[in-house]
C-alpha atoms as a PDB file:
ATOM      1  CA  MET A   1      21.183  44.250  -3.246  1.00  0.00           C
ATOM      2  CA  ALA A   2      18.726  41.847  -3.656  1.00  0.00           C
ATOM      3  CA  PRO A   3      19.249  38.817  -1.698  1.00  0.00           C
ATOM      4  CA  GLN A   4      20.980  35.672  -3.000  1.00  0.00           C
ATOM      5  CA  LEU A   5      18.511  33.227  -3.999  1.00  0.00           C
ATOM      6  CA  ALA A   6      19.615  29.772  -3.128  1.00  0.00           C
ATOM      7  CA  THR A   7      18.621  26.272  -1.817  1.00  0.00           C
ATOM      8  CA  ILE A   8      18.188  25.441   1.628  1.00  0.00           C
ATOM      9  CA  ALA A   9      21.247  23.179   1.409  1.00  0.00           C
ATOM     10  CA  LYS A  10      23.113  25.973   0.892  1.00  0.00           C
ATOM     11  CA  LEU A  11      21.757  28.058   3.534  1.00  0.00           C
ATOM     12  CA  THR A  12      24.271  29.100   6.339  1.00  0.00           C
ATOM     13  CA  PRO A  13      23.628  31.248   9.442  1.00  0.00           C
ATOM     14  CA  SER A  14      22.740  35.171   8.650  1.00  0.00           C
ATOM     15  CA  LYS A  15      20.399  37.834   8.436  1.00  0.00           C
ATOM     16  CA  GLY A  16      18.914  38.932   5.752  1.00  0.00           C
ATOM     17  CA  ARG A  17      21.384  37.025   2.703  1.00  0.00           C
ATOM     18  CA  TYR A  18      19.081  35.346   1.131  1.00  0.00           C
ATOM     19  CA  GLN A  19      16.324  34.343  -0.767  1.00  0.00           C
ATOM     20  CA  ILE A  20      14.142  30.589  -1.281  1.00  0.00           C
ATOM     21  CA  ILE A  21      11.768  29.814  -3.381  1.00  0.00           C
ATOM     22  CA  ALA A  22       9.783  26.295  -1.063  1.00  0.00           C
ATOM     23  CA  ARG A  23       6.562  24.904  -1.057  1.00  0.00           C
ATOM     24  CA  ALA A  24       4.746  25.512   2.724  1.00  0.00           C
ATOM     25  CA  THR A  25       3.917  21.681   3.033  1.00  0.00           C
ATOM     26  CA  ARG A  26       2.844  21.576   7.213  1.00  0.00           C
ATOM     27  CA  ILE A  27       2.112  24.775   8.925  1.00  0.00           C
ATOM     28  CA  TRP A  28       0.939  24.594  12.616  1.00  0.00           C
ATOM     29  CA  GLU A  29       0.509  26.807  15.821  1.00  0.00           C
ATOM     30  CA  VAL A  30       2.943  26.826  19.064  1.00  0.00           C
ATOM     31  CA  PRO A  31       0.830  27.480  21.613  1.00  0.00           C
ATOM     32  CA  GLU A  32       1.892  29.460  25.161  1.00  0.00           C
ATOM     33  CA  LYS A  33       0.387  28.258  28.319  1.00  0.00           C
ATOM     34  CA  ASP A  34      -2.671  30.772  29.431  1.00  0.00           C
ATOM     35  CA  GLU A  35      -2.189  32.841  26.221  1.00  0.00           C
ATOM     36  CA  GLU A  36      -4.694  33.194  24.064  1.00  0.00           C
ATOM     37  CA  LYS A  37      -2.556  34.614  20.764  1.00  0.00           C
ATOM     38  CA  PRO A  38       0.460  31.243  19.910  1.00  0.00           C
ATOM     39  CA  TYR A  39       3.671  31.883  20.603  1.00  0.00           C
ATOM     40  CA  SER A  40       5.082  31.448  17.115  1.00  0.00           C
ATOM     41  CA  LEU A  41       3.262  30.110  13.888  1.00  0.00           C
ATOM     42  CA  ASP A  42       5.725  27.088  12.148  1.00  0.00           C
ATOM     43  CA  MET A  43       5.540  25.782   9.361  1.00  0.00           C
ATOM     44  CA  VAL A  44       7.784  23.235   7.310  1.00  0.00           C
ATOM     45  CA  LEU A  45       9.441  24.738   3.913  1.00  0.00           C
ATOM     46  CA  LEU A  46      10.581  22.374   1.400  1.00  0.00           C
ATOM     47  CA  ASP A  47      12.323  23.547  -2.184  1.00  0.00           C
ATOM     48  CA  GLN A  48      12.891  21.843  -5.367  1.00  0.00           C
ATOM     49  CA  GLU A  49      15.821  19.864  -4.211  1.00  0.00           C
ATOM     50  CA  GLY A  50      13.868  17.486  -1.989  1.00  0.00           C
ATOM     51  CA  ILE A  51      15.240  19.311   1.135  1.00  0.00           C
ATOM     52  CA  GLN A  52      12.671  20.355   4.247  1.00  0.00           C
ATOM     53  CA  ILE A  53      13.099  23.164   6.735  1.00  0.00           C
ATOM     54  CA  GLN A  54      11.262  24.285   9.531  1.00  0.00           C
ATOM     55  CA  ALA A  55      11.117  28.250   9.416  1.00  0.00           C
ATOM     56  CA  THR A  56       8.903  30.225  12.803  1.00  0.00           C
ATOM     57  CA  ILE A  57       7.196  32.965  12.760  1.00  0.00           C
ATOM     58  CA  PRO A  58       6.567  34.997  16.114  1.00  0.00           C
ATOM     59  CA  ARG A  59       4.067  36.134  17.860  1.00  0.00           C
ATOM     60  CA  ARG A  60       4.239  39.840  17.037  1.00  0.00           C
ATOM     61  CA  LEU A  61       4.262  39.306  13.748  1.00  0.00           C
ATOM     62  CA  ILE A  62       1.874  36.717  12.662  1.00  0.00           C
ATOM     63  CA  ASP A  63      -0.814  38.708  12.098  1.00  0.00           C
ATOM     64  CA  THR A  64       1.650  40.096   9.326  1.00  0.00           C
ATOM     65  CA  PHE A  65       1.854  36.858   8.053  1.00  0.00           C
ATOM     66  CA  ALA A  66      -1.186  34.605   8.940  1.00  0.00           C
ATOM     67  CA  GLU A  67      -3.930  35.048   6.398  1.00  0.00           C
ATOM     68  CA  THR A  68      -0.983  35.408   3.737  1.00  0.00           C
ATOM     69  CA  LEU A  69       0.562  31.707   4.330  1.00  0.00           C
ATOM     70  CA  LYS A  70      -1.538  28.393   3.158  1.00  0.00           C
ATOM     71  CA  GLU A  71      -0.548  25.227   3.023  1.00  0.00           C
ATOM     72  CA  GLY A  72       0.571  24.001  -0.218  1.00  0.00           C
ATOM     73  CA  VAL A  73       1.403  26.691  -1.632  1.00  0.00           C
ATOM     74  CA  ILE A  74       5.091  27.756  -3.411  1.00  0.00           C
ATOM     75  CA  TYR A  75       6.279  30.652  -1.904  1.00  0.00           C
ATOM     76  CA  LYS A  76       9.444  33.393  -3.020  1.00  0.00           C
ATOM     77  CA  ILE A  77      10.384  34.689   0.605  1.00  0.00           C
ATOM     78  CA  GLN A  78      13.658  36.442   1.111  1.00  0.00           C
ATOM     79  CA  HIS A  79      14.699  38.978   3.735  1.00  0.00           C
ATOM     80  CA  PHE A  80      14.882  36.398   6.947  1.00  0.00           C
ATOM     81  CA  GLU A  81      17.038  35.115   9.527  1.00  0.00           C
ATOM     82  CA  VAL A  82      18.888  31.728   9.203  1.00  0.00           C
ATOM     83  CA  ALA A  83      20.349  30.248  12.525  1.00  0.00           C
ATOM     84  CA  ALA A  84      21.229  27.127  14.344  1.00  0.00           C
ATOM     85  CA  ALA A  85      17.942  24.504  14.549  1.00  0.00           C
ATOM     86  CA  THR A  86      18.143  24.069  19.317  1.00  0.00           C
ATOM     87  CA  ARG A  87      17.650  20.498  17.918  1.00  0.00           C
ATOM     88  CA  SER A  88      14.421  19.858  19.894  1.00  0.00           C
ATOM     89  CA  TYR A  89      11.633  18.898  19.080  1.00  0.00           C
ATOM     90  CA  CYS A  90      12.989  19.382  14.987  1.00  0.00           C
ATOM     91  CA  PRO A  91      10.166  18.139  12.942  1.00  0.00           C
ATOM     92  CA  VAL A  92      12.521  17.316   9.525  1.00  0.00           C
ATOM     93  CA  THR A  93      15.764  16.268   9.847  1.00  0.00           C
ATOM     94  CA  SER A  94      18.245  17.245   6.497  1.00  0.00           C
ATOM     95  CA  THR A  95      18.956  20.745   8.035  1.00  0.00           C
ATOM     96  CA  ASN A  96      20.850  21.738  11.072  1.00  0.00           C
ATOM     97  CA  ASN A  97      19.154  25.365  10.434  1.00  0.00           C
ATOM     98  CA  ILE A  98      15.744  27.300  10.947  1.00  0.00           C
ATOM     99  CA  ILE A  99      14.517  29.998   9.501  1.00  0.00           C
ATOM    100  CA  LYS A 100      13.615  32.999  11.458  1.00  0.00           C
ATOM    101  CA  TRP A 101      10.618  35.540  10.131  1.00  0.00           C
ATOM    102  CA  THR A 102      11.525  39.555  10.736  1.00  0.00           C
ATOM    103  CA  SER A 103       9.610  42.903  10.279  1.00  0.00           C
ATOM    104  CA  PHE A 104      11.965  42.883   6.985  1.00  0.00           C
ATOM    105  CA  THR A 105      10.712  39.679   5.648  1.00  0.00           C
ATOM    106  CA  SER A 106       8.711  39.747   2.658  1.00  0.00           C
ATOM    107  CA  ILE A 107       6.736  35.968   1.266  1.00  0.00           C
ATOM    108  CA  VAL A 108       4.899  36.385  -2.308  1.00  0.00           C
ATOM    109  CA  GLU A 109       3.377  33.273  -3.787  1.00  0.00           C
ATOM    110  CA  ASP A 110       5.409  32.353  -6.644  1.00  0.00           C
ATOM    111  CA  ASP A 111       3.466  32.024  -9.405  1.00  0.00           C
ATOM    112  CA  GLN A 112       6.159  29.427 -11.883  1.00  0.00           C
ATOM    113  CA  GLN A 113       5.215  25.547 -12.200  1.00  0.00           C
ATOM    114  CA  ARG A 114       7.898  24.433 -10.300  1.00  0.00           C
ATOM    115  CA  PRO A 115       8.595  20.214  -9.842  1.00  0.00           C
ATOM    116  CA  ILE A 116       8.245  20.866  -6.277  1.00  0.00           C
ATOM    117  CA  GLU A 117       6.375  17.696  -4.338  1.00  0.00           C
ATOM    118  CA  LYS A 118       3.863  18.184  -2.591  1.00  0.00           C
ATOM    119  CA  HIS A 119       4.587  16.437   0.248  1.00  0.00           C
ATOM    120  CA  LYS A 120       7.347  15.088   2.023  1.00  0.00           C
ATOM    121  CA  PHE A 121       7.240  12.338   4.800  1.00  0.00           C
ATOM    122  CA  GLU A 122      10.319  11.480   7.163  1.00  0.00           C
ATOM    123  CA  PHE A 123       8.952   7.456   8.035  1.00  0.00           C
ATOM    124  CA  HIS A 124      10.405   5.404  10.356  1.00  0.00           C
ATOM    125  CA  PRO A 125       9.721   1.787  11.139  1.00  0.00           C
ATOM    126  CA  ILE A 126       7.884   0.972  13.519  1.00  0.00           C
ATOM    127  CA  GLN A 127       9.715  -2.156  14.481  1.00  0.00           C
ATOM    128  CA  ASN A 128      12.903   0.206  14.937  1.00  0.00           C
ATOM    129  CA  LEU A 129      10.111   3.129  17.137  1.00  0.00           C
ATOM    130  CA  ALA A 130      12.082   1.557  21.105  1.00  0.00           C
ATOM    131  CA  LEU A 131      15.363   3.144  19.684  1.00  0.00           C
ATOM    132  CA  ARG A 132      13.610   7.236  19.390  1.00  0.00           C
ATOM    133  CA  THR A 133      11.876   6.501  22.966  1.00  0.00           C
ATOM    134  CA  ASN A 134      12.275   9.521  25.100  1.00  0.00           C
ATOM    135  CA  LYS A 135      14.430  11.115  22.736  1.00  0.00           C
ATOM    136  CA  LEU A 136      13.396  14.314  21.590  1.00  0.00           C
ATOM    137  CA  ASP A 137      15.923  15.517  19.538  1.00  0.00           C
ATOM    138  CA  TYR A 138      13.591  15.476  16.260  1.00  0.00           C
ATOM    139  CA  LEU A 139       9.747  14.073  15.761  1.00  0.00           C
ATOM    140  CA  ILE A 140       8.687  10.944  14.085  1.00  0.00           C
ATOM    141  CA  ASP A 141       6.715  10.521  10.979  1.00  0.00           C
ATOM    142  CA  ILE A 142       4.707   7.269  11.162  1.00  0.00           C
ATOM    143  CA  VAL A 143       2.928   5.397   8.505  1.00  0.00           C
ATOM    144  CA  GLY A 144       0.736   2.040   8.735  1.00  0.00           C
ATOM    145  CA  TYR A 145      -2.476   0.636   8.122  1.00  0.00           C
ATOM    146  CA  LEU A 146      -5.310   2.698  10.390  1.00  0.00           C
ATOM    147  CA  LYS A 147      -7.034  -0.610  12.910  1.00  0.00           C
ATOM    148  CA  VAL A 148      -8.374   1.436  15.359  1.00  0.00           C
ATOM    149  CA  ILE A 149     -10.104   4.395  16.187  1.00  0.00           C
ATOM    150  CA  GLU A 150     -10.728   5.264  20.184  1.00  0.00           C
ATOM    151  CA  SER A 151     -13.617   7.511  20.735  1.00  0.00           C
ATOM    152  CA  LYS A 152     -12.243  11.229  22.614  1.00  0.00           C
ATOM    153  CA  LYS A 153     -11.939  11.293  26.052  1.00  0.00           C
ATOM    154  CA  ASN A 154     -11.253  13.986  28.956  1.00  0.00           C
ATOM    155  CA  ALA A 155      -7.926  14.123  30.245  1.00  0.00           C
ATOM    156  CA  THR A 156      -6.022  15.922  33.230  1.00  0.00           C
ATOM    157  CA  THR A 157      -2.139  16.862  32.968  1.00  0.00           C
ATOM    158  CA  SER A 158      -0.246  18.988  34.327  1.00  0.00           C
ATOM    159  CA  LYS A 159      -1.095  21.552  32.365  1.00  0.00           C
ATOM    160  CA  GLY A 160      -5.055  21.419  32.599  1.00  0.00           C
ATOM    161  CA  GLU A 161      -7.447  19.934  31.012  1.00  0.00           C
ATOM    162  CA  THR A 162      -8.120  18.563  27.769  1.00  0.00           C
ATOM    163  CA  GLN A 163      -8.686  15.800  25.334  1.00  0.00           C
ATOM    164  CA  LEU A 164      -7.283  13.036  23.762  1.00  0.00           C
ATOM    165  CA  ARG A 165      -7.518   9.633  21.140  1.00  0.00           C
ATOM    166  CA  HIS A 166      -6.353   6.434  20.926  1.00  0.00           C
ATOM    167  CA  ILE A 167      -5.794   5.489  17.302  1.00  0.00           C
ATOM    168  CA  TYR A 168      -3.588   1.997  16.523  1.00  0.00           C
ATOM    169  CA  ILE A 169      -1.734   1.459  13.344  1.00  0.00           C
ATOM    170  CA  GLU A 170      -0.162  -1.616  11.720  1.00  0.00           C
ATOM    171  CA  ASP A 171       2.757  -1.990   9.055  1.00  0.00           C
ATOM    172  CA  GLU A 172       2.767  -4.768   6.530  1.00  0.00           C
ATOM    173  CA  ARG A 173       4.317  -7.030   8.835  1.00  0.00           C
ATOM    174  CA  LYS A 174       2.067  -6.524  11.374  1.00  0.00           C
ATOM    175  CA  GLN A 175       3.641  -4.856  14.013  1.00  0.00           C
ATOM    176  CA  GLY A 176       1.645  -1.725  15.319  1.00  0.00           C
ATOM    177  CA  THR A 177       1.761   0.682  17.710  1.00  0.00           C
ATOM    178  CA  ARG A 178      -0.884   3.062  19.823  1.00  0.00           C
ATOM    179  CA  VAL A 179      -0.854   6.873  18.891  1.00  0.00           C
ATOM    180  CA  THR A 180      -1.854   9.050  21.580  1.00  0.00           C
ATOM    181  CA  LEU A 181      -3.865  12.588  20.252  1.00  0.00           C
ATOM    182  CA  TRP A 182      -3.660  15.134  22.072  1.00  0.00           C
ATOM    183  CA  GLY A 183      -5.429  18.188  22.281  1.00  0.00           C
ATOM    184  CA  HIS A 184      -6.577  19.952  19.203  1.00  0.00           C
ATOM    185  CA  THR A 185      -4.745  17.054  16.994  1.00  0.00           C
ATOM    186  CA  SER A 186      -7.530  14.685  18.900  1.00  0.00           C
ATOM    187  CA  ASP A 187      -9.879  15.947  16.305  1.00  0.00           C
ATOM    188  CA  LEU A 188      -7.782  15.369  13.367  1.00  0.00           C
ATOM    189  CA  ILE A 189      -9.163  12.098  12.947  1.00  0.00           C
ATOM    190  CA  ASP A 190     -12.392  10.588  13.705  1.00  0.00           C
ATOM    191  CA  GLU A 191     -14.985   7.230  13.507  1.00  0.00           C
ATOM    192  CA  THR A 192     -17.056   8.645  10.962  1.00  0.00           C
ATOM    193  CA  THR A 193     -14.482   9.853   8.357  1.00  0.00           C
ATOM    194  CA  ALA A 194     -12.024   7.268   8.935  1.00  0.00           C
ATOM    195  CA  LEU A 195     -13.919   4.155   8.636  1.00  0.00           C
ATOM    196  CA  ASP A 196     -16.327   5.644   6.422  1.00  0.00           C
ATOM    197  CA  SER A 197     -15.993   3.137   3.035  1.00  0.00           C
ATOM    198  CA  ALA A 198     -14.819  -0.076   1.798  1.00  0.00           C
ATOM    199  CA  GLY A 199     -10.494  -1.179   1.756  1.00  0.00           C
ATOM    200  CA  GLU A 200      -7.901  -0.731   4.530  1.00  0.00           C
ATOM    201  CA  LYS A 201      -7.225   2.543   5.093  1.00  0.00           C
ATOM    202  CA  VAL A 202      -3.384   3.751   5.559  1.00  0.00           C
ATOM    203  CA  VAL A 203      -3.201   6.380   7.645  1.00  0.00           C
ATOM    204  CA  ILE A 204       0.676   9.112   7.641  1.00  0.00           C
ATOM    205  CA  ILE A 205       1.040  10.817  11.227  1.00  0.00           C
ATOM    206  CA  THR A 206       3.957  13.532  11.768  1.00  0.00           C
ATOM    207  CA  SER A 207       6.383  14.722  14.065  1.00  0.00           C
ATOM    208  CA  THR A 208       5.088  12.554  16.967  1.00  0.00           C
ATOM    209  CA  LYS A 209       6.828  12.261  19.482  1.00  0.00           C
ATOM    210  CA  VAL A 210       8.033   8.384  20.912  1.00  0.00           C
ATOM    211  CA  VAL A 211       7.648   7.359  24.716  1.00  0.00           C
ATOM    212  CA  GLY A 212       7.205   4.636  26.905  1.00  0.00           C
ATOM    213  CA  TYR A 213       4.503   3.667  28.917  1.00  0.00           C
ATOM    214  CA  LYS A 214       3.861   0.610  31.768  1.00  0.00           C
ATOM    215  CA  GLY A 215       6.494  -1.069  29.103  1.00  0.00           C
ATOM    216  CA  LYS A 216       5.600  -0.603  26.149  1.00  0.00           C
ATOM    217  CA  THR A 217       6.125   1.558  23.478  1.00  0.00           C
ATOM    218  CA  GLN A 218       3.979   4.556  21.449  1.00  0.00           C
ATOM    219  CA  LEU A 219       3.681   7.680  19.949  1.00  0.00           C
ATOM    220  CA  GLN A 220       1.995  10.900  20.862  1.00  0.00           C
ATOM    221  CA  SER A 221       1.077  13.814  18.797  1.00  0.00           C
ATOM    222  CA  THR A 222       2.912  17.336  19.430  1.00  0.00           C
ATOM    223  CA  TYR A 223       1.693  20.674  18.002  1.00  0.00           C
ATOM    224  CA  ALA A 224       3.098  19.929  15.129  1.00  0.00           C
ATOM    225  CA  THR A 225       1.465  16.751  13.981  1.00  0.00           C
ATOM    226  CA  LYS A 226      -0.605  16.009  10.571  1.00  0.00           C
ATOM    227  CA  ILE A 227      -2.447  13.444   9.705  1.00  0.00           C
ATOM    228  CA  TYR A 228      -3.771  11.915   6.554  1.00  0.00           C
ATOM    229  CA  ILE A 229      -5.216   9.178   5.043  1.00  0.00           C
ATOM    230  CA  ASN A 230      -4.844   7.432   1.775  1.00  0.00           C
ATOM    231  CA  LEU A 231      -2.648  10.335   0.229  1.00  0.00           C
ATOM    232  CA  ASP A 232      -1.617   9.578  -3.336  1.00  0.00           C
ATOM    233  CA  ILE A 233       1.962   9.297  -2.998  1.00  0.00           C
ATOM    234  CA  PRO A 234       4.805   6.426  -3.926  1.00  0.00           C
ATOM    235  CA  GLU A 235       5.109   5.356  -0.971  1.00  0.00           C
ATOM    236  CA  LEU A 236       1.464   5.065   0.195  1.00  0.00           C
ATOM    237  CA  ARG A 237       1.054   2.934  -3.345  1.00  0.00           C
ATOM    238  CA  ILE A 238       4.230   0.425  -2.256  1.00  0.00           C
ATOM    239  CA  LEU A 239       2.501  -0.237   0.718  1.00  0.00           C
ATOM    240  CA  LYS A 240      -1.166  -0.711  -0.406  1.00  0.00           C
ATOM    241  CA  GLN A 241       0.312  -3.464  -3.013  1.00  0.00           C
ATOM    242  CA  ARG A 242       2.083  -5.989  -0.086  1.00  0.00           C
END
């Protein structure tokens, strides 16, 4: 019996019960300390109803699916497990569940033209960031005008040597915040690519955490962080007109 075709909102904890059609809007690796291979390959899936869910592929199955999966592509996915999310470092808030790949999971590219958005974000106002300080149940998407990009620096953390980059953004009310990009995310933006043309840049930074540092609220990247500059979506067009 074929799994039941369902929307993300209709998923309930189960194994192999459903199939969904969704776009993989973001994909990232979750590393494990002292291990060359990632702990998991995670993604955000978005369906036709505009509902998002996190999905995760365990280390043992990454090689099976990594070459098939591409950001921005719509897939038909079936024979997966639906489990309750841990509510820790969640990149989306529209569901309390998470999809887990199993050895039975199958995925094929969907060849129909479906009205699924290419991107979806859950923007948090800069003025309200302090309310999320050190809260890690879900992560923050932020949008603003790019004001300053600093050069990369070497840094030492409890996990060893790494690199970081500070950038500063402001909203339309001139309220700003610093964003620290750690590790590989420090390469997602640089002085050349971000400031290479006239006009203000509007930047989207996803899946950040809010921290307090020296009495100030700021953002830090996570493994799931992505950066988009001047993305052509309605929210940014409105921001540019203000």
